[in-house]
PDB file of N, CA and C in Angstrom:
ATOM      1  N   UNK A   1       6.852 -23.254   8.168  1.00  0.00           N
ATOM      2  CA  UNK A   1       6.542 -23.266   6.787  1.00  0.00           C
ATOM      3  C   UNK A   1       7.835 -23.672   6.004  1.00  0.00           C
ATOM      4  N   UNK A   2       7.668 -24.644   5.117  1.00  0.00           N
ATOM      5  CA  UNK A   2       8.770 -25.076   4.274  1.00  0.00           C
ATOM      6  C   UNK A   2       9.120 -23.997   3.216  1.00  0.00           C
ATOM      7  N   UNK A   3      10.369 -23.778   2.992  1.00  0.00           N
ATOM      8  CA  UNK A   3      10.725 -22.737   2.006  1.00  0.00           C
ATOM      9  C   UNK A   3      10.159 -22.994   0.662  1.00  0.00           C
ATOM     10  N   UNK A   4       9.884 -24.274   0.308  1.00  0.00           N
ATOM     11  CA  UNK A   4       9.258 -24.535  -0.963  1.00  0.00           C
ATOM     12  C   UNK A   4       7.796 -24.043  -1.075  1.00  0.00           C
ATOM     13  N   UNK A   5       7.240 -23.765   0.060  1.00  0.00           N
ATOM     14  CA  UNK A   5       5.855 -23.281   0.114  1.00  0.00           C
ATOM     15  C   UNK A   5       5.814 -21.729   0.080  1.00  0.00           C
ATOM     16  N   UNK A   6       6.938 -21.078   0.179  1.00  0.00           N
ATOM     17  CA  UNK A   6       6.963 -19.595   0.179  1.00  0.00           C
ATOM     18  C   UNK A   6       6.747 -19.066  -1.220  1.00  0.00           C
ATOM     19  N   UNK A   7       6.053 -17.917  -1.255  1.00  0.00           N
ATOM     20  CA  UNK A   7       5.887 -17.265  -2.593  1.00  0.00           C
ATOM     21  C   UNK A   7       7.216 -16.681  -3.120  1.00  0.00           C
ATOM     22  N   UNK A   8       7.293 -16.652  -4.429  1.00  0.00           N
ATOM     23  CA  UNK A   8       8.564 -16.068  -5.058  1.00  0.00           C
ATOM     24  C   UNK A   8       8.361 -14.604  -5.381  1.00  0.00           C
ATOM     25  N   UNK A   9       9.447 -13.845  -5.161  1.00  0.00           N
ATOM     26  CA  UNK A   9       9.460 -12.411  -5.424  1.00  0.00           C
ATOM     27  C   UNK A   9      10.661 -12.069  -6.315  1.00  0.00           C
ATOM     28  N   UNK A  10      10.498 -11.123  -7.158  1.00  0.00           N
ATOM     29  CA  UNK A  10      11.572 -10.670  -8.051  1.00  0.00           C
ATOM     30  C   UNK A  10      12.455  -9.720  -7.263  1.00  0.00           C
ATOM     31  N   UNK A  11      13.612  -9.409  -7.819  1.00  0.00           N
ATOM     32  CA  UNK A  11      14.496  -8.398  -7.222  1.00  0.00           C
ATOM     33  C   UNK A  11      13.750  -7.047  -7.127  1.00  0.00           C
ATOM     34  N   UNK A  12      12.976  -6.715  -8.184  1.00  0.00           N
ATOM     35  CA  UNK A  12      12.220  -5.466  -8.183  1.00  0.00           C
ATOM     36  C   UNK A  12      11.185  -5.382  -7.086  1.00  0.00           C
ATOM     37  N   UNK A  13      10.507  -6.518  -6.860  1.00  0.00           N
ATOM     38  CA  UNK A  13       9.479  -6.553  -5.736  1.00  0.00           C
ATOM     39  C   UNK A  13      10.148  -6.442  -4.394  1.00  0.00           C
ATOM     40  N   UNK A  14      11.306  -7.073  -4.208  1.00  0.00           N
ATOM     41  CA  UNK A  14      12.084  -6.978  -2.970  1.00  0.00           C
ATOM     42  C   UNK A  14      12.459  -5.529  -2.793  1.00  0.00           C
ATOM     43  N   UNK A  15      12.974  -4.878  -3.854  1.00  0.00           N
ATOM     44  CA  UNK A  15      13.444  -3.492  -3.700  1.00  0.00           C
ATOM     45  C   UNK A  15      12.397  -2.560  -3.175  1.00  0.00           C
ATOM     46  N   UNK A  16      11.127  -2.802  -3.413  1.00  0.00           N
ATOM     47  CA  UNK A  16      10.096  -1.950  -2.919  1.00  0.00           C
ATOM     48  C   UNK A  16       9.891  -2.075  -1.428  1.00  0.00           C
ATOM     49  N   UNK A  17      10.372  -3.142  -0.792  1.00  0.00           N
ATOM     50  CA  UNK A  17      10.207  -3.397   0.634  1.00  0.00           C
ATOM     51  C   UNK A  17      11.461  -2.843   1.360  1.00  0.00           C
ATOM     52  N   UNK A  18      11.728  -1.581   1.160  1.00  0.00           N
ATOM     53  CA  UNK A  18      12.985  -0.982   1.685  1.00  0.00           C
ATOM     54  C   UNK A  18      12.710  -0.077   2.867  1.00  0.00           C
ATOM     55  N   UNK A  19      11.464  -0.089   3.372  1.00  0.00           N
ATOM     56  CA  UNK A  19      11.101   0.746   4.512  1.00  0.00           C
ATOM     57  C   UNK A  19      10.803   2.184   4.066  1.00  0.00           C
ATOM     58  N   UNK A  20      10.845   2.481   2.830  1.00  0.00           N
ATOM     59  CA  UNK A  20      10.575   3.849   2.334  1.00  0.00           C
ATOM     60  C   UNK A  20       9.458   3.822   1.260  1.00  0.00           C
ATOM     61  N   UNK A  21       9.619   2.985   0.281  1.00  0.00           N
ATOM     62  CA  UNK A  21       8.581   2.921  -0.723  1.00  0.00           C
ATOM     63  C   UNK A  21       7.300   2.149  -0.210  1.00  0.00           C
ATOM     64  N   UNK A  22       7.464   1.167   0.636  1.00  0.00           N
ATOM     65  CA  UNK A  22       6.410   0.448   1.296  1.00  0.00           C
ATOM     66  C   UNK A  22       6.831   0.351   2.755  1.00  0.00           C
ATOM     67  N   UNK A  23       5.834   0.057   3.606  1.00  0.00           N
ATOM     68  CA  UNK A  23       6.176  -0.025   5.043  1.00  0.00           C
ATOM     69  C   UNK A  23       6.945  -1.214   5.442  1.00  0.00           C
ATOM     70  N   UNK A  24       6.859  -2.343   4.667  1.00  0.00           N
ATOM     71  CA  UNK A  24       7.602  -3.553   4.962  1.00  0.00           C
ATOM     72  C   UNK A  24       9.109  -3.275   4.768  1.00  0.00           C
ATOM     73  N   UNK A  25       9.915  -3.944   5.660  1.00  0.00           N
ATOM     74  CA  UNK A  25      11.359  -3.888   5.487  1.00  0.00           C
ATOM     75  C   UNK A  25      11.820  -5.334   5.333  1.00  0.00           C
ATOM     76  N   UNK A  26      12.204  -5.673   4.108  1.00  0.00           N
ATOM     77  CA  UNK A  26      12.638  -7.046   3.797  1.00  0.00           C
ATOM     78  C   UNK A  26      14.070  -7.053   3.321  1.00  0.00           C
ATOM     79  N   UNK A  27      14.774  -8.145   3.641  1.00  0.00           N
ATOM     80  CA  UNK A  27      16.071  -8.363   3.102  1.00  0.00           C
ATOM     81  C   UNK A  27      16.165  -9.816   2.685  1.00  0.00           C
ATOM     82  N   UNK A  28      17.011 -10.078   1.658  1.00  0.00           N
ATOM     83  CA  UNK A  28      17.181 -11.466   1.246  1.00  0.00           C
ATOM     84  C   UNK A  28      18.634 -11.985   1.632  1.00  0.00           C
ATOM     85  N   UNK A  29      18.664 -13.208   1.961  1.00  0.00           N
ATOM     86  CA  UNK A  29      19.923 -13.847   2.283  1.00  0.00           C
ATOM     87  C   UNK A  29      19.865 -15.317   1.772  1.00  0.00           C
ATOM     88  N   UNK A  30      20.835 -15.693   0.946  1.00  0.00           N
ATOM     89  CA  UNK A  30      20.928 -17.035   0.394  1.00  0.00           C
ATOM     90  C   UNK A  30      19.567 -17.488  -0.218  1.00  0.00           C
ATOM     91  N   UNK A  31      18.940 -16.612  -0.925  1.00  0.00           N
ATOM     92  CA  UNK A  31      17.713 -16.935  -1.664  1.00  0.00           C
ATOM     93  C   UNK A  31      16.446 -16.887  -0.870  1.00  0.00           C
ATOM     94  N   UNK A  32      16.535 -16.605   0.409  1.00  0.00           N
ATOM     95  CA  UNK A  32      15.322 -16.496   1.268  1.00  0.00           C
ATOM     96  C   UNK A  32      15.106 -15.051   1.659  1.00  0.00           C
ATOM     97  N   UNK A  33      13.885 -14.535   1.558  1.00  0.00           N
ATOM     98  CA  UNK A  33      13.532 -13.193   1.954  1.00  0.00           C
ATOM     99  C   UNK A  33      12.943 -13.178   3.363  1.00  0.00           C
ATOM    100  N   UNK A  34      13.506 -12.298   4.151  1.00  0.00           N
ATOM    101  CA  UNK A  34      13.113 -12.179   5.561  1.00  0.00           C
ATOM    102  C   UNK A  34      12.471 -10.819   5.833  1.00  0.00           C
ATOM    103  N   UNK A  35      11.480 -10.847   6.657  1.00  0.00           N
ATOM    104  CA  UNK A  35      10.812  -9.651   7.082  1.00  0.00           C
ATOM    105  C   UNK A  35      11.465  -9.121   8.369  1.00  0.00           C
ATOM    106  N   UNK A  36      12.232  -8.014   8.232  1.00  0.00           N
ATOM    107  CA  UNK A  36      12.913  -7.477   9.425  1.00  0.00           C
ATOM    108  C   UNK A  36      12.229  -6.171   9.895  1.00  0.00           C
ATOM    109  N   UNK A  37      10.975  -5.941   9.498  1.00  0.00           N
ATOM    110  CA  UNK A  37      10.221  -4.733   9.870  1.00  0.00           C
ATOM    111  C   UNK A  37      10.191  -4.496  11.395  1.00  0.00           C
ATOM    112  N   UNK A  38      10.078  -5.484  12.152  1.00  0.00           N
ATOM    113  CA  UNK A  38       9.951  -5.378  13.614  1.00  0.00           C
ATOM    114  C   UNK A  38      11.248  -5.018  14.304  1.00  0.00           C
ATOM    115  N   UNK A  39      12.336  -5.165  13.626  1.00  0.00           N
ATOM    116  CA  UNK A  39      13.641  -4.925  14.252  1.00  0.00           C
ATOM    117  C   UNK A  39      13.956  -3.488  14.392  1.00  0.00           C
ATOM    118  N   UNK A  40      14.357  -3.051  15.599  1.00  0.00           N
ATOM    119  CA  UNK A  40      14.681  -1.653  15.776  1.00  0.00           C
ATOM    120  C   UNK A  40      16.062  -1.397  15.078  1.00  0.00           C
ATOM    121  N   UNK A  41      16.779  -2.393  14.786  1.00  0.00           N
ATOM    122  CA  UNK A  41      18.043  -2.207  14.081  1.00  0.00           C
ATOM    123  C   UNK A  41      17.925  -1.907  12.591  1.00  0.00           C
ATOM    124  N   UNK A  42      16.721  -2.111  12.068  1.00  0.00           N
ATOM    125  CA  UNK A  42      16.489  -1.793  10.662  1.00  0.00           C
ATOM    126  C   UNK A  42      15.591  -0.596  10.453  1.00  0.00           C
ATOM    127  N   UNK A  43      15.502   0.282  11.432  1.00  0.00           N
ATOM    128  CA  UNK A  43      14.667   1.491  11.229  1.00  0.00           C
ATOM    129  C   UNK A  43      15.012   2.237  10.013  1.00  0.00           C
ATOM    130  N   UNK A  44      14.051   2.713   9.261  1.00  0.00           N
ATOM    131  CA  UNK A  44      14.199   3.462   8.026  1.00  0.00           C
ATOM    132  C   UNK A  44      14.864   2.674   6.946  1.00  0.00           C
ATOM    133  N   UNK A  45      14.902   1.352   7.133  1.00  0.00           N
ATOM    134  CA  UNK A  45      15.439   0.476   6.038  1.00  0.00           C
ATOM    135  C   UNK A  45      16.942   0.463   5.966  1.00  0.00           C
ATOM    136  N   UNK A  46      17.658   0.859   6.985  1.00  0.00           N
ATOM    137  CA  UNK A  46      19.105   0.822   6.997  1.00  0.00           C
ATOM    138  C   UNK A  46      19.606   0.213   8.294  1.00  0.00           C
ATOM    139  N   UNK A  47      20.653  -0.644   8.169  1.00  0.00           N
ATOM    140  CA  UNK A  47      21.324  -1.267   9.335  1.00  0.00           C
ATOM    141  C   UNK A  47      22.800  -1.094   9.074  1.00  0.00           C
ATOM    142  N   UNK A  48      23.431  -0.256   9.746  1.00  0.00           N
ATOM    143  CA  UNK A  48      24.823   0.195   9.530  1.00  0.00           C
ATOM    144  C   UNK A  48      24.987   0.508   8.070  1.00  0.00           C
ATOM    145  N   UNK A  49      25.858  -0.177   7.382  1.00  0.00           N
ATOM    146  CA  UNK A  49      26.073   0.133   5.948  1.00  0.00           C
ATOM    147  C   UNK A  49      25.148  -0.669   4.984  1.00  0.00           C
ATOM    148  N   UNK A  50      24.229  -1.429   5.519  1.00  0.00           N
ATOM    149  CA  UNK A  50      23.394  -2.328   4.720  1.00  0.00           C
ATOM    150  C   UNK A  50      22.029  -1.644   4.524  1.00  0.00           C
ATOM    151  N   UNK A  51      21.485  -1.766   3.319  1.00  0.00           N
ATOM    152  CA  UNK A  51      20.256  -1.230   2.992  1.00  0.00           C
ATOM    153  C   UNK A  51      19.202  -2.342   2.727  1.00  0.00           C
ATOM    154  N   UNK A  52      17.971  -2.133   3.227  1.00  0.00           N
ATOM    155  CA  UNK A  52      16.912  -3.100   3.049  1.00  0.00           C
ATOM    156  C   UNK A  52      16.451  -3.064   1.629  1.00  0.00           C
ATOM    157  N   UNK A  53      15.636  -4.101   1.250  1.00  0.00           N
ATOM    158  CA  UNK A  53      15.112  -4.159  -0.081  1.00  0.00           C
ATOM    159  C   UNK A  53      16.090  -4.745  -1.088  1.00  0.00           C
ATOM    160  N   UNK A  54      17.082  -5.468  -0.599  1.00  0.00           N
ATOM    161  CA  UNK A  54      18.034  -6.033  -1.455  1.00  0.00           C
ATOM    162  C   UNK A  54      18.623  -7.368  -0.982  1.00  0.00           C
ATOM    163  N   UNK A  55      19.284  -8.073  -1.806  1.00  0.00           N
ATOM    164  CA  UNK A  55      19.933  -9.328  -1.447  1.00  0.00           C
ATOM    165  C   UNK A  55      21.278  -9.037  -0.758  1.00  0.00           C
ATOM    166  N   UNK A  56      21.405  -9.389   0.472  1.00  0.00           N
ATOM    167  CA  UNK A  56      22.601  -9.073   1.258  1.00  0.00           C
ATOM    168  C   UNK A  56      23.583 -10.175   1.334  1.00  0.00           C
ATOM    169  N   UNK A  57      23.366 -11.234   0.564  1.00  0.00           N
ATOM    170  CA  UNK A  57      24.220 -12.446   0.684  1.00  0.00           C
ATOM    171  C   UNK A  57      25.690 -12.146   0.589  1.00  0.00           C
ATOM    172  N   UNK A  58      26.089 -11.499  -0.512  1.00  0.00           N
ATOM    173  CA  UNK A  58      27.517 -11.166  -0.709  1.00  0.00           C
ATOM    174  C   UNK A  58      28.050 -10.247   0.390  1.00  0.00           C
ATOM    175  N   UNK A  59      27.284  -9.228   0.745  1.00  0.00           N
ATOM    176  CA  UNK A  59      27.745  -8.327   1.791  1.00  0.00           C
ATOM    177  C   UNK A  59      28.007  -9.034   3.101  1.00  0.00           C
ATOM    178  N   UNK A  60      27.000  -9.857   3.477  1.00  0.00           N
ATOM    179  CA  UNK A  60      27.129 -10.476   4.772  1.00  0.00           C
ATOM    180  C   UNK A  60      28.173 -11.626   4.793  1.00  0.00           C
ATOM    181  N   UNK A  61      28.365 -12.272   3.681  1.00  0.00           N
ATOM    182  CA  UNK A  61      29.412 -13.354   3.656  1.00  0.00           C
ATOM    183  C   UNK A  61      30.790 -12.784   3.653  1.00  0.00           C
ATOM    184  N   UNK A  62      30.924 -11.544   3.192  1.00  0.00           N
ATOM    185  CA  UNK A  62      32.248 -10.925   3.148  1.00  0.00           C
ATOM    186  C   UNK A  62      32.693 -10.180   4.364  1.00  0.00           C
ATOM    187  N   UNK A  63      31.758  -9.428   4.986  1.00  0.00           N
ATOM    188  CA  UNK A  63      32.240  -8.616   6.089  1.00  0.00           C
ATOM    189  C   UNK A  63      31.294  -8.467   7.313  1.00  0.00           C
ATOM    190  N   UNK A  64      30.325  -9.275   7.455  1.00  0.00           N
ATOM    191  CA  UNK A  64      29.423  -9.112   8.588  1.00  0.00           C
ATOM    192  C   UNK A  64      30.027  -9.754   9.875  1.00  0.00           C
ATOM    193  N   UNK A  65      29.803  -9.154  10.981  1.00  0.00           N
ATOM    194  CA  UNK A  65      30.354  -9.675  12.242  1.00  0.00           C
ATOM    195  C   UNK A  65      29.570 -10.845  12.815  1.00  0.00           C
ATOM    196  N   UNK A  66      28.497 -11.236  12.119  1.00  0.00           N
ATOM    197  CA  UNK A  66      27.665 -12.395  12.619  1.00  0.00           C
ATOM    198  C   UNK A  66      27.427 -13.339  11.452  1.00  0.00           C
ATOM    199  N   UNK A  67      26.796 -14.467  11.796  1.00  0.00           N
ATOM    200  CA  UNK A  67      26.597 -15.493  10.779  1.00  0.00           C
ATOM    201  C   UNK A  67      25.119 -15.505  10.341  1.00  0.00           C
ATOM    202  N   UNK A  68      24.764 -16.520   9.525  1.00  0.00           N
ATOM    203  CA  UNK A  68      23.380 -16.651   9.024  1.00  0.00           C
ATOM    204  C   UNK A  68      22.352 -16.809  10.070  1.00  0.00           C
ATOM    205  N   UNK A  69      22.747 -17.246  11.294  1.00  0.00           N
ATOM    206  CA  UNK A  69      21.786 -17.451  12.359  1.00  0.00           C
ATOM    207  C   UNK A  69      21.058 -16.172  12.748  1.00  0.00           C
ATOM    208  N   UNK A  70      21.605 -15.015  12.346  1.00  0.00           N
ATOM    209  CA  UNK A  70      21.036 -13.746  12.740  1.00  0.00           C
ATOM    210  C   UNK A  70      19.583 -13.641  12.168  1.00  0.00           C
ATOM    211  N   UNK A  71      19.284 -14.430  11.138  1.00  0.00           N
ATOM    212  CA  UNK A  71      17.952 -14.392  10.540  1.00  0.00           C
ATOM    213  C   UNK A  71      16.997 -15.380  11.186  1.00  0.00           C
ATOM    214  N   UNK A  72      17.424 -16.192  12.064  1.00  0.00           N
ATOM    215  CA  UNK A  72      16.564 -17.198  12.707  1.00  0.00           C
ATOM    216  C   UNK A  72      15.416 -16.538  13.476  1.00  0.00           C
ATOM    217  N   UNK A  73      15.597 -15.351  13.926  1.00  0.00           N
ATOM    218  CA  UNK A  73      14.495 -14.722  14.643  1.00  0.00           C
ATOM    219  C   UNK A  73      13.497 -13.944  13.829  1.00  0.00           C
ATOM    220  N   UNK A  74      13.703 -13.928  12.485  1.00  0.00           N
ATOM    221  CA  UNK A  74      12.803 -13.248  11.601  1.00  0.00           C
ATOM    222  C   UNK A  74      12.028 -14.234  10.758  1.00  0.00           C
ATOM    223  N   UNK A  75      10.861 -13.807  10.370  1.00  0.00           N
ATOM    224  CA  UNK A  75      10.002 -14.640   9.552  1.00  0.00           C
ATOM    225  C   UNK A  75      10.416 -14.638   8.110  1.00  0.00           C
ATOM    226  N   UNK A  76      10.553 -15.833   7.517  1.00  0.00           N
ATOM    227  CA  UNK A  76      10.838 -15.960   6.071  1.00  0.00           C
ATOM    228  C   UNK A  76       9.513 -15.693   5.354  1.00  0.00           C
ATOM    229  N   UNK A  77       9.492 -14.791   4.401  1.00  0.00           N
ATOM    230  CA  UNK A  77       8.251 -14.393   3.735  1.00  0.00           C
ATOM    231  C   UNK A  77       8.258 -14.761   2.269  1.00  0.00           C
ATOM    232  N   UNK A  78       9.366 -15.203   1.716  1.00  0.00           N
ATOM    233  CA  UNK A  78       9.439 -15.525   0.318  1.00  0.00           C
ATOM    234  C   UNK A  78      10.771 -16.046  -0.086  1.00  0.00           C
ATOM    235  N   UNK A  79      10.864 -16.360  -1.358  1.00  0.00           N
ATOM    236  CA  UNK A  79      12.091 -16.771  -1.942  1.00  0.00           C
ATOM    237  C   UNK A  79      12.388 -15.758  -3.101  1.00  0.00           C
ATOM    238  N   UNK A  80      13.657 -15.540  -3.313  1.00  0.00           N
ATOM    239  CA  UNK A  80      14.062 -14.594  -4.378  1.00  0.00           C
ATOM    240  C   UNK A  80      14.180 -15.369  -5.673  1.00  0.00           C
ATOM    241  N   UNK A  81      13.457 -14.905  -6.693  1.00  0.00           N
ATOM    242  CA  UNK A  81      13.580 -15.581  -7.998  1.00  0.00           C
ATOM    243  C   UNK A  81      14.407 -14.829  -8.960  1.00  0.00           C
TER     244      UNK A  81
END
């Protein structure tokens, strides 16, 4: 699916997909929202010091031990507007 075909979500809508308010666990990176629900590393909406339901671009670019390819295995479900 082309990212231009993805639905747009607000920051507020993303925030609800934190693994606690709704079952979905989503995170955004560089404007794309990924569904990480299936990852055992994101149980309960937390992955080390990172919380789901938010844009992680700044956090990951500053101090993550991996690069953007980490999201290649997850489905892009939307764009952050």
